[in-house]
Amino acid sequence: MLLKMCGCSSPVECDLPKVEKRVQFPSPALVLLAALLFAGCATAPMTVPGRVAAPGVPGIYHRVEKGQTLWRISRLYGVDLDELASINRIQDASNIENGQLIFIPRRNRTQNYRVTPDNQDFSWPLKGRVTAGFIQSGNNVNKGLNIQSATGTDIIASRGGRVVFCSQDFSGYGKTLIIDHGDGYSSVYSGVSQFIVNLGDSVQKGERIARSGYSLHFEIRKGYIAQNPYFYLS
């Protein structure tokens, strides 16, 4: 596995190693129409006459169920997560609420939605207080979440995969490990006090991988690009 590293992006935030993959408002008079029920636990899409999230873009609406993430919804319909967030003007996915309508764009009349159940959400790596959120603008860039917890708290794998990077003292981050999830996504855990797994180990979602220090820096990456973890965490 080829690891690429680059320098600091600001005085407080450095880039973690880049891992090269080997694998790859309706009118009150209008009625909401229920559409296709499908197998699994996902909510059925709905058509909402007279309501569009983007002018000229056809599509349907999905009603958010309790616990659903924007990531899960994007996978249900085979729509890019970034496009889904942009077209619905969602900047902080932690504000998505049960019952909220999410517009699912359809780019052409022949496009079929995948609409299949998916259980590949990312889980929180540990319980604690978020002391710094995801910031991609200004001088104080933060490419993930900083989560404070008691020293020695178990850190779990946010999602299943393989440990592809371990460092006892990665520049600016302390002990750091990265899990490759095998589908273009990876998760990063920095500032840990002790590793439980080793380089090359395969891990399951929820499996203990390390113990926390004072604060865990956690990232989710799509390829080399850091994502807003709130879009993914359930």
C-alpha atoms as a PDB file:
ATOM      1  CA  MET A   1       0.000   0.000   0.000  1.00  0.00           C
ATOM      2  CA  LEU A   2       1.531   3.285  -1.117  1.00  0.00           C
ATOM      3  CA  LEU A   3       1.304   6.135   1.427  1.00  0.00           C
ATOM      4  CA  LYS A   4       1.687   9.754   0.358  1.00  0.00           C
ATOM      5  CA  MET A   5       2.237  12.539   2.885  1.00  0.00           C
ATOM      6  CA  CYS A   6       2.168  16.303   2.524  1.00  0.00           C
ATOM      7  CA  GLY A   7       2.907  19.269   4.747  1.00  0.00           C
ATOM      8  CA  CYS A   8       0.893  21.404   7.076  1.00  0.00           C
ATOM      9  CA  SER A   9      -2.085  23.303   5.691  1.00  0.00           C
ATOM     10  CA  SER A  10      -2.184  25.769   8.601  1.00  0.00           C
ATOM     11  CA  PRO A  11      -0.417  26.363  11.928  1.00  0.00           C
ATOM     12  CA  VAL A  12      -2.968  24.172  13.687  1.00  0.00           C
ATOM     13  CA  GLU A  13      -3.854  21.528  11.114  1.00  0.00           C
ATOM     14  CA  CYS A  14      -1.627  19.191   9.080  1.00  0.00           C
ATOM     15  CA  ASP A  15      -2.593  16.881   6.275  1.00  0.00           C
ATOM     16  CA  LEU A  16      -2.648  13.252   7.308  1.00  0.00           C
ATOM     17  CA  PRO A  17      -1.099  10.657   4.978  1.00  0.00           C
ATOM     18  CA  LYS A  18      -2.853  10.081   1.680  1.00  0.00           C
ATOM     19  CA  VAL A  19      -3.481   6.389   1.123  1.00  0.00           C
ATOM     20  CA  GLU A  20      -3.434   5.250  -2.487  1.00  0.00           C
ATOM     21  CA  LYS A  21      -6.119   2.646  -3.046  1.00  0.00           C
ATOM     22  CA  ARG A  22      -5.441  -0.659  -4.647  1.00  0.00           C
ATOM     23  CA  VAL A  23      -9.132  -1.377  -4.964  1.00  0.00           C
ATOM     24  CA  GLN A  24     -11.050   0.427  -5.887  1.00  0.00           C
ATOM     25  CA  PHE A  25     -43.287  24.505  -0.442  1.00  0.00           C
ATOM     26  CA  PRO A  26     -46.119  22.754  -1.687  1.00  0.00           C
ATOM     27  CA  SER A  27     -49.424  24.662  -1.924  1.00  0.00           C
ATOM     28  CA  PRO A  28     -51.797  23.681   0.912  1.00  0.00           C
ATOM     29  CA  ALA A  29     -54.235  22.561  -1.776  1.00  0.00           C
ATOM     30  CA  LEU A  30     -51.815  20.011  -3.218  1.00  0.00           C
ATOM     31  CA  VAL A  31     -51.618  16.455  -1.971  1.00  0.00           C
ATOM     32  CA  LEU A  32     -48.437  14.502  -1.226  1.00  0.00           C
ATOM     33  CA  LEU A  33     -48.499  11.302  -3.270  1.00  0.00           C
ATOM     34  CA  ALA A  34     -46.919   8.179  -1.829  1.00  0.00           C
ATOM     35  CA  ALA A  35     -44.651   6.297  -4.249  1.00  0.00           C
ATOM     36  CA  LEU A  36     -43.095   2.855  -4.428  1.00  0.00           C
ATOM     37  CA  LEU A  37     -42.605   0.896  -1.264  1.00  0.00           C
ATOM     38  CA  PHE A  38     -39.422  -1.101  -1.488  1.00  0.00           C
ATOM     39  CA  ALA A  39     -37.792  -3.936   0.378  1.00  0.00           C
ATOM     40  CA  GLY A  40     -35.756  -3.163   3.471  1.00  0.00           C
ATOM     41  CA  CYS A  41     -35.950  -0.504   6.145  1.00  0.00           C
ATOM     42  CA  ALA A  42     -35.696   2.603   3.961  1.00  0.00           C
ATOM     43  CA  THR A  43     -38.532   5.078   3.521  1.00  0.00           C
ATOM     44  CA  ALA A  44     -40.410   5.151   0.236  1.00  0.00           C
ATOM     45  CA  PRO A  45     -39.747   8.096  -2.070  1.00  0.00           C
ATOM     46  CA  MET A  46     -42.528  10.584  -2.668  1.00  0.00           C
ATOM     47  CA  THR A  47     -43.493  12.914  -5.473  1.00  0.00           C
ATOM     48  CA  VAL A  48     -44.385  16.413  -4.332  1.00  0.00           C
ATOM     49  CA  PRO A  49     -46.265  18.330  -7.032  1.00  0.00           C
ATOM     50  CA  GLY A  50     -45.302  21.972  -7.360  1.00  0.00           C
ATOM     51  CA  ARG A  51     -42.176  21.661  -5.231  1.00  0.00           C
ATOM     52  CA  VAL A  52     -38.650  21.537  -6.621  1.00  0.00           C
ATOM     53  CA  ALA A  53     -35.336  22.048  -4.855  1.00  0.00           C
ATOM     54  CA  ALA A  54     -33.595  23.304  -8.000  1.00  0.00           C
ATOM     55  CA  PRO A  55     -35.324  24.935 -11.003  1.00  0.00           C
ATOM     56  CA  GLY A  56     -35.424  22.621 -13.998  1.00  0.00           C
ATOM     57  CA  VAL A  57     -34.209  19.568 -12.070  1.00  0.00           C
ATOM     58  CA  PRO A  58     -36.742  16.706 -11.954  1.00  0.00           C
ATOM     59  CA  GLY A  59     -36.783  14.342  -9.025  1.00  0.00           C
ATOM     60  CA  ILE A  60     -38.618  12.973  -6.022  1.00  0.00           C
ATOM     61  CA  TYR A  61     -38.556  13.474  -2.269  1.00  0.00           C
ATOM     62  CA  HIS A  62     -37.372  11.129   0.461  1.00  0.00           C
ATOM     63  CA  ARG A  63     -38.774  11.485   3.988  1.00  0.00           C
ATOM     64  CA  VAL A  64     -35.993  11.061   6.553  1.00  0.00           C
ATOM     65  CA  GLU A  65     -36.451   8.239   9.051  1.00  0.00           C
ATOM     66  CA  LYS A  66     -35.082   8.306  12.571  1.00  0.00           C
ATOM     67  CA  GLY A  67     -31.357   7.597  12.556  1.00  0.00           C
ATOM     68  CA  GLN A  68     -30.884   8.004   8.801  1.00  0.00           C
ATOM     69  CA  THR A  69     -27.829   9.891   7.611  1.00  0.00           C
ATOM     70  CA  LEU A  70     -27.364  11.863   4.421  1.00  0.00           C
ATOM     71  CA  TRP A  71     -24.750   9.256   3.481  1.00  0.00           C
ATOM     72  CA  ARG A  72     -27.278   6.420   3.760  1.00  0.00           C
ATOM     73  CA  ILE A  73     -29.865   8.333   1.729  1.00  0.00           C
ATOM     74  CA  SER A  74     -27.326   9.060  -1.022  1.00  0.00           C
ATOM     75  CA  ARG A  75     -26.504   5.355  -1.239  1.00  0.00           C
ATOM     76  CA  LEU A  76     -30.163   4.331  -1.257  1.00  0.00           C
ATOM     77  CA  TYR A  77     -30.722   6.278  -4.455  1.00  0.00           C
ATOM     78  CA  GLY A  78     -27.267   6.107  -6.025  1.00  0.00           C
ATOM     79  CA  VAL A  79     -26.861   9.902  -5.878  1.00  0.00           C
ATOM     80  CA  ASP A  80     -23.586  11.652  -5.076  1.00  0.00           C
ATOM     81  CA  LEU A  81     -23.567  12.836  -1.467  1.00  0.00           C
ATOM     82  CA  ASP A  82     -22.003  16.212  -2.273  1.00  0.00           C
ATOM     83  CA  GLU A  83     -24.690  16.868  -4.908  1.00  0.00           C
ATOM     84  CA  LEU A  84     -27.404  15.867  -2.449  1.00  0.00           C
ATOM     85  CA  ALA A  85     -26.061  18.244   0.209  1.00  0.00           C
ATOM     86  CA  SER A  86     -25.669  21.080  -2.296  1.00  0.00           C
ATOM     87  CA  ILE A  87     -29.072  20.814  -3.978  1.00  0.00           C
ATOM     88  CA  ASN A  88     -30.822  20.639  -0.587  1.00  0.00           C
ATOM     89  CA  ARG A  89     -28.660  23.458   0.818  1.00  0.00           C
ATOM     90  CA  ILE A  90     -27.478  21.318   3.712  1.00  0.00           C
ATOM     91  CA  GLN A  91     -24.299  22.571   5.368  1.00  0.00           C
ATOM     92  CA  ASP A  92     -24.589  20.755   8.682  1.00  0.00           C
ATOM     93  CA  ALA A  93     -26.081  17.279   8.345  1.00  0.00           C
ATOM     94  CA  SER A  94     -26.342  16.975  12.128  1.00  0.00           C
ATOM     95  CA  ASN A  95     -29.433  19.179  11.746  1.00  0.00           C
ATOM     96  CA  ILE A  96     -31.286  16.635   9.576  1.00  0.00           C
ATOM     97  CA  GLU A  97     -34.488  15.738  11.392  1.00  0.00           C
ATOM     98  CA  ASN A  98     -36.870  12.810  11.409  1.00  0.00           C
ATOM     99  CA  GLY A  99     -39.621  13.490   8.857  1.00  0.00           C
ATOM    100  CA  GLN A 100     -37.638  16.074   6.897  1.00  0.00           C
ATOM    101  CA  LEU A 101     -38.005  15.919   3.098  1.00  0.00           C
ATOM    102  CA  ILE A 102     -34.808  15.491   1.079  1.00  0.00           C
ATOM    103  CA  PHE A 103     -34.962  16.173  -2.658  1.00  0.00           C
ATOM    104  CA  ILE A 104     -33.476  13.381  -4.791  1.00  0.00           C
ATOM    105  CA  PRO A 105     -32.522  14.752  -8.230  1.00  0.00           C
ATOM    106  CA  ARG A 106     -33.117  12.809 -11.425  1.00  0.00           C
ATOM    107  CA  ARG A 107     -30.918  14.034 -14.249  1.00  0.00           C
ATOM    108  CA  ASN A 108     -32.849  12.411 -17.096  1.00  0.00           C
ATOM    109  CA  ARG A 109     -36.180  10.696 -17.652  1.00  0.00           C
ATOM    110  CA  THR A 110     -34.627   7.266 -18.102  1.00  0.00           C
ATOM    111  CA  GLN A 111     -32.650   7.339 -14.850  1.00  0.00           C
ATOM    112  CA  ASN A 112     -33.704   4.682 -12.384  1.00  0.00           C
ATOM    113  CA  TYR A 113     -33.157   5.062  -8.654  1.00  0.00           C
ATOM    114  CA  ARG A 114     -31.403   2.165  -7.033  1.00  0.00           C
ATOM    115  CA  VAL A 115     -33.516   2.355  -3.843  1.00  0.00           C
ATOM    116  CA  THR A 116     -31.953  -0.568  -2.005  1.00  0.00           C
ATOM    117  CA  PRO A 117     -31.393  -0.991   1.742  1.00  0.00           C
ATOM    118  CA  ASP A 118     -27.912  -0.127   2.945  1.00  0.00           C
ATOM    119  CA  ASN A 119     -26.264  -0.700   6.313  1.00  0.00           C
ATOM    120  CA  GLN A 120     -22.865   0.784   5.600  1.00  0.00           C
ATOM    121  CA  ASP A 121     -23.201   3.856   7.825  1.00  0.00           C
ATOM    122  CA  PHE A 122     -20.255   5.077   9.843  1.00  0.00           C
ATOM    123  CA  SER A 123     -20.665   4.958  13.613  1.00  0.00           C
ATOM    124  CA  TRP A 124     -19.164   7.318  16.189  1.00  0.00           C
ATOM    125  CA  PRO A 125     -15.702   6.038  17.168  1.00  0.00           C
ATOM    126  CA  LEU A 126     -16.320   6.871  20.837  1.00  0.00           C
ATOM    127  CA  LYS A 127     -18.693   8.831  23.051  1.00  0.00           C
ATOM    128  CA  GLY A 128     -17.553  12.282  24.078  1.00  0.00           C
ATOM    129  CA  ARG A 129     -17.945  16.030  23.629  1.00  0.00           C
ATOM    130  CA  VAL A 130     -17.142  17.482  20.216  1.00  0.00           C
ATOM    131  CA  THR A 131     -14.774  20.345  20.941  1.00  0.00           C
ATOM    132  CA  ALA A 132     -14.020  21.265  17.321  1.00  0.00           C
ATOM    133  CA  GLY A 133     -16.135  20.626  14.248  1.00  0.00           C
ATOM    134  CA  PHE A 134     -15.400  20.254  10.558  1.00  0.00           C
ATOM    135  CA  ILE A 135     -14.144  23.589   9.108  1.00  0.00           C
ATOM    136  CA  GLN A 136     -12.919  24.011   5.536  1.00  0.00           C
ATOM    137  CA  SER A 137     -12.703  27.801   5.257  1.00  0.00           C
ATOM    138  CA  GLY A 138     -10.789  30.561   6.970  1.00  0.00           C
ATOM    139  CA  ASN A 139      -7.550  30.176   8.867  1.00  0.00           C
ATOM    140  CA  ASN A 140      -8.576  27.510  11.377  1.00  0.00           C
ATOM    141  CA  VAL A 141      -9.069  24.547   9.063  1.00  0.00           C
ATOM    142  CA  ASN A 142     -10.186  21.328  10.743  1.00  0.00           C
ATOM    143  CA  LYS A 143     -10.547  18.311   8.481  1.00  0.00           C
ATOM    144  CA  GLY A 144     -12.567  16.243  10.933  1.00  0.00           C
ATOM    145  CA  LEU A 145     -13.979  16.286  14.461  1.00  0.00           C
ATOM    146  CA  ASN A 146     -12.110  16.623  17.737  1.00  0.00           C
ATOM    147  CA  ILE A 147     -13.850  14.499  20.370  1.00  0.00           C
ATOM    148  CA  GLN A 148     -12.934  14.847  24.033  1.00  0.00           C
ATOM    149  CA  SER A 149     -13.281  11.866  26.332  1.00  0.00           C
ATOM    150  CA  ALA A 150     -11.702  10.293  29.393  1.00  0.00           C
ATOM    151  CA  THR A 151      -8.193   9.012  28.782  1.00  0.00           C
ATOM    152  CA  GLY A 152      -8.225   5.282  28.109  1.00  0.00           C
ATOM    153  CA  THR A 153     -11.734   5.176  26.645  1.00  0.00           C
ATOM    154  CA  ASP A 154     -12.137   2.449  24.008  1.00  0.00           C
ATOM    155  CA  ILE A 155     -12.116   3.681  20.394  1.00  0.00           C
ATOM    156  CA  ILE A 156     -14.042   1.501  17.952  1.00  0.00           C
ATOM    157  CA  ALA A 157     -13.777   1.089  14.187  1.00  0.00           C
ATOM    158  CA  SER A 158     -16.305   3.463  12.668  1.00  0.00           C
ATOM    159  CA  ARG A 159     -16.786   0.986   9.827  1.00  0.00           C
ATOM    160  CA  GLY A 160     -15.259  -2.343   8.825  1.00  0.00           C
ATOM    161  CA  GLY A 161     -12.053  -2.489   6.804  1.00  0.00           C
ATOM    162  CA  ARG A 162      -8.298  -2.989   7.023  1.00  0.00           C
ATOM    163  CA  VAL A 163      -5.691  -1.065   9.001  1.00  0.00           C
ATOM    164  CA  VAL A 164      -3.408   0.487   6.365  1.00  0.00           C
ATOM    165  CA  PHE A 165      -1.456   3.020   8.437  1.00  0.00           C
ATOM    166  CA  CYS A 166      -0.085   3.060  11.975  1.00  0.00           C
ATOM    167  CA  SER A 167       2.285   5.639  13.408  1.00  0.00           C
ATOM    168  CA  GLN A 168       3.484   5.952  16.974  1.00  0.00           C
ATOM    169  CA  ASP A 169       4.117   9.677  16.537  1.00  0.00           C
ATOM    170  CA  PHE A 170       2.770  11.138  13.302  1.00  0.00           C
ATOM    171  CA  SER A 171       3.733  14.793  12.899  1.00  0.00           C
ATOM    172  CA  GLY A 172       1.417  17.005  14.918  1.00  0.00           C
ATOM    173  CA  TYR A 173      -1.079  14.248  15.677  1.00  0.00           C
ATOM    174  CA  GLY A 174       0.569  11.743  17.984  1.00  0.00           C
ATOM    175  CA  LYS A 175      -0.413   8.096  17.622  1.00  0.00           C
ATOM    176  CA  THR A 176      -2.435   7.716  14.415  1.00  0.00           C
ATOM    177  CA  LEU A 177      -4.076   4.892  12.510  1.00  0.00           C
ATOM    178  CA  ILE A 178      -6.093   4.744   9.293  1.00  0.00           C
ATOM    179  CA  ILE A 179      -8.650   2.145   8.228  1.00  0.00           C
ATOM    180  CA  ASP A 180      -9.299   1.555   4.524  1.00  0.00           C
ATOM    181  CA  HIS A 181     -12.953   0.584   4.009  1.00  0.00           C
ATOM    182  CA  GLY A 182     -12.358  -0.860   0.552  1.00  0.00           C
ATOM    183  CA  ASP A 183     -14.793   1.332  -1.402  1.00  0.00           C
ATOM    184  CA  GLY A 184     -12.853   4.570  -1.754  1.00  0.00           C
ATOM    185  CA  TYR A 185     -13.501   5.647   1.841  1.00  0.00           C
ATOM    186  CA  SER A 186     -11.181   5.602   4.836  1.00  0.00           C
ATOM    187  CA  SER A 187     -11.350   6.750   8.455  1.00  0.00           C
ATOM    188  CA  VAL A 188      -8.582   8.392  10.490  1.00  0.00           C
ATOM    189  CA  TYR A 189      -8.022   8.181  14.250  1.00  0.00           C
ATOM    190  CA  SER A 190      -5.361  10.477  15.762  1.00  0.00           C
ATOM    191  CA  GLY A 191      -4.225  11.353  19.252  1.00  0.00           C
ATOM    192  CA  VAL A 192      -4.838   7.874  20.650  1.00  0.00           C
ATOM    193  CA  SER A 193      -2.961   6.686  23.713  1.00  0.00           C
ATOM    194  CA  GLN A 194      -2.640   2.999  22.800  1.00  0.00           C
ATOM    195  CA  PHE A 195      -3.178   0.795  19.753  1.00  0.00           C
ATOM    196  CA  ILE A 196      -5.151  -2.432  20.115  1.00  0.00           C
ATOM    197  CA  VAL A 197      -4.857  -3.502  16.459  1.00  0.00           C
ATOM    198  CA  ASN A 198      -1.824  -3.732  14.194  1.00  0.00           C
ATOM    199  CA  LEU A 199      -0.952  -2.688  10.659  1.00  0.00           C
ATOM    200  CA  GLY A 200      -2.628  -5.040   8.170  1.00  0.00           C
ATOM    201  CA  ASP A 201      -5.335  -6.247  10.552  1.00  0.00           C
ATOM    202  CA  SER A 202      -8.880  -6.634   9.254  1.00  0.00           C
ATOM    203  CA  VAL A 203     -11.445  -5.108  11.612  1.00  0.00           C
ATOM    204  CA  GLN A 204     -15.218  -5.176  11.897  1.00  0.00           C
ATOM    205  CA  LYS A 205     -17.453  -2.169  12.495  1.00  0.00           C
ATOM    206  CA  GLY A 206     -17.655  -1.585  16.252  1.00  0.00           C
ATOM    207  CA  GLU A 207     -14.482  -3.554  17.035  1.00  0.00           C
ATOM    208  CA  ARG A 208     -12.074  -2.014  19.548  1.00  0.00           C
ATOM    209  CA  ILE A 209      -9.031  -0.606  17.743  1.00  0.00           C
ATOM    210  CA  ALA A 210      -7.369   1.764  20.245  1.00  0.00           C
ATOM    211  CA  ARG A 211      -7.710   3.677  23.510  1.00  0.00           C
ATOM    212  CA  SER A 212      -8.152   7.407  23.634  1.00  0.00           C
ATOM    213  CA  GLY A 213      -5.852  10.099  24.885  1.00  0.00           C
ATOM    214  CA  TYR A 214      -7.273  13.440  26.030  1.00  0.00           C
ATOM    215  CA  SER A 215      -8.878  14.131  22.653  1.00  0.00           C
ATOM    216  CA  LEU A 216      -9.462  12.080  19.510  1.00  0.00           C
ATOM    217  CA  HIS A 217      -9.128  13.688  16.084  1.00  0.00           C
ATOM    218  CA  PHE A 218     -11.405  11.741  13.722  1.00  0.00           C
ATOM    219  CA  GLU A 219     -11.707  12.074   9.949  1.00  0.00           C
ATOM    220  CA  ILE A 220     -13.673  10.416   7.159  1.00  0.00           C
ATOM    221  CA  ARG A 221     -12.092  10.596   3.724  1.00  0.00           C
ATOM    222  CA  LYS A 222     -13.397   9.997   0.245  1.00  0.00           C
ATOM    223  CA  GLY A 223     -10.262   9.227  -1.700  1.00  0.00           C
ATOM    224  CA  TYR A 224      -7.781  11.846  -0.529  1.00  0.00           C
ATOM    225  CA  ILE A 225     -10.472  14.412   0.361  1.00  0.00           C
ATOM    226  CA  ALA A 226     -11.663  14.960   3.942  1.00  0.00           C
ATOM    227  CA  GLN A 227     -15.461  14.847   4.272  1.00  0.00           C
ATOM    228  CA  ASN A 228     -17.800  16.377   6.840  1.00  0.00           C
ATOM    229  CA  PRO A 229     -18.215  13.481   9.306  1.00  0.00           C
ATOM    230  CA  TYR A 230     -21.691  14.681  10.299  1.00  0.00           C
ATOM    231  CA  PHE A 231     -22.946  13.639   6.841  1.00  0.00           C
ATOM    232  CA  TYR A 232     -21.949  10.051   7.590  1.00  0.00           C
ATOM    233  CA  LEU A 233     -22.176   9.358  11.325  1.00  0.00           C
ATOM    234  CA  SER A 234     -25.192   7.597  12.778  1.00  0.00           C
END
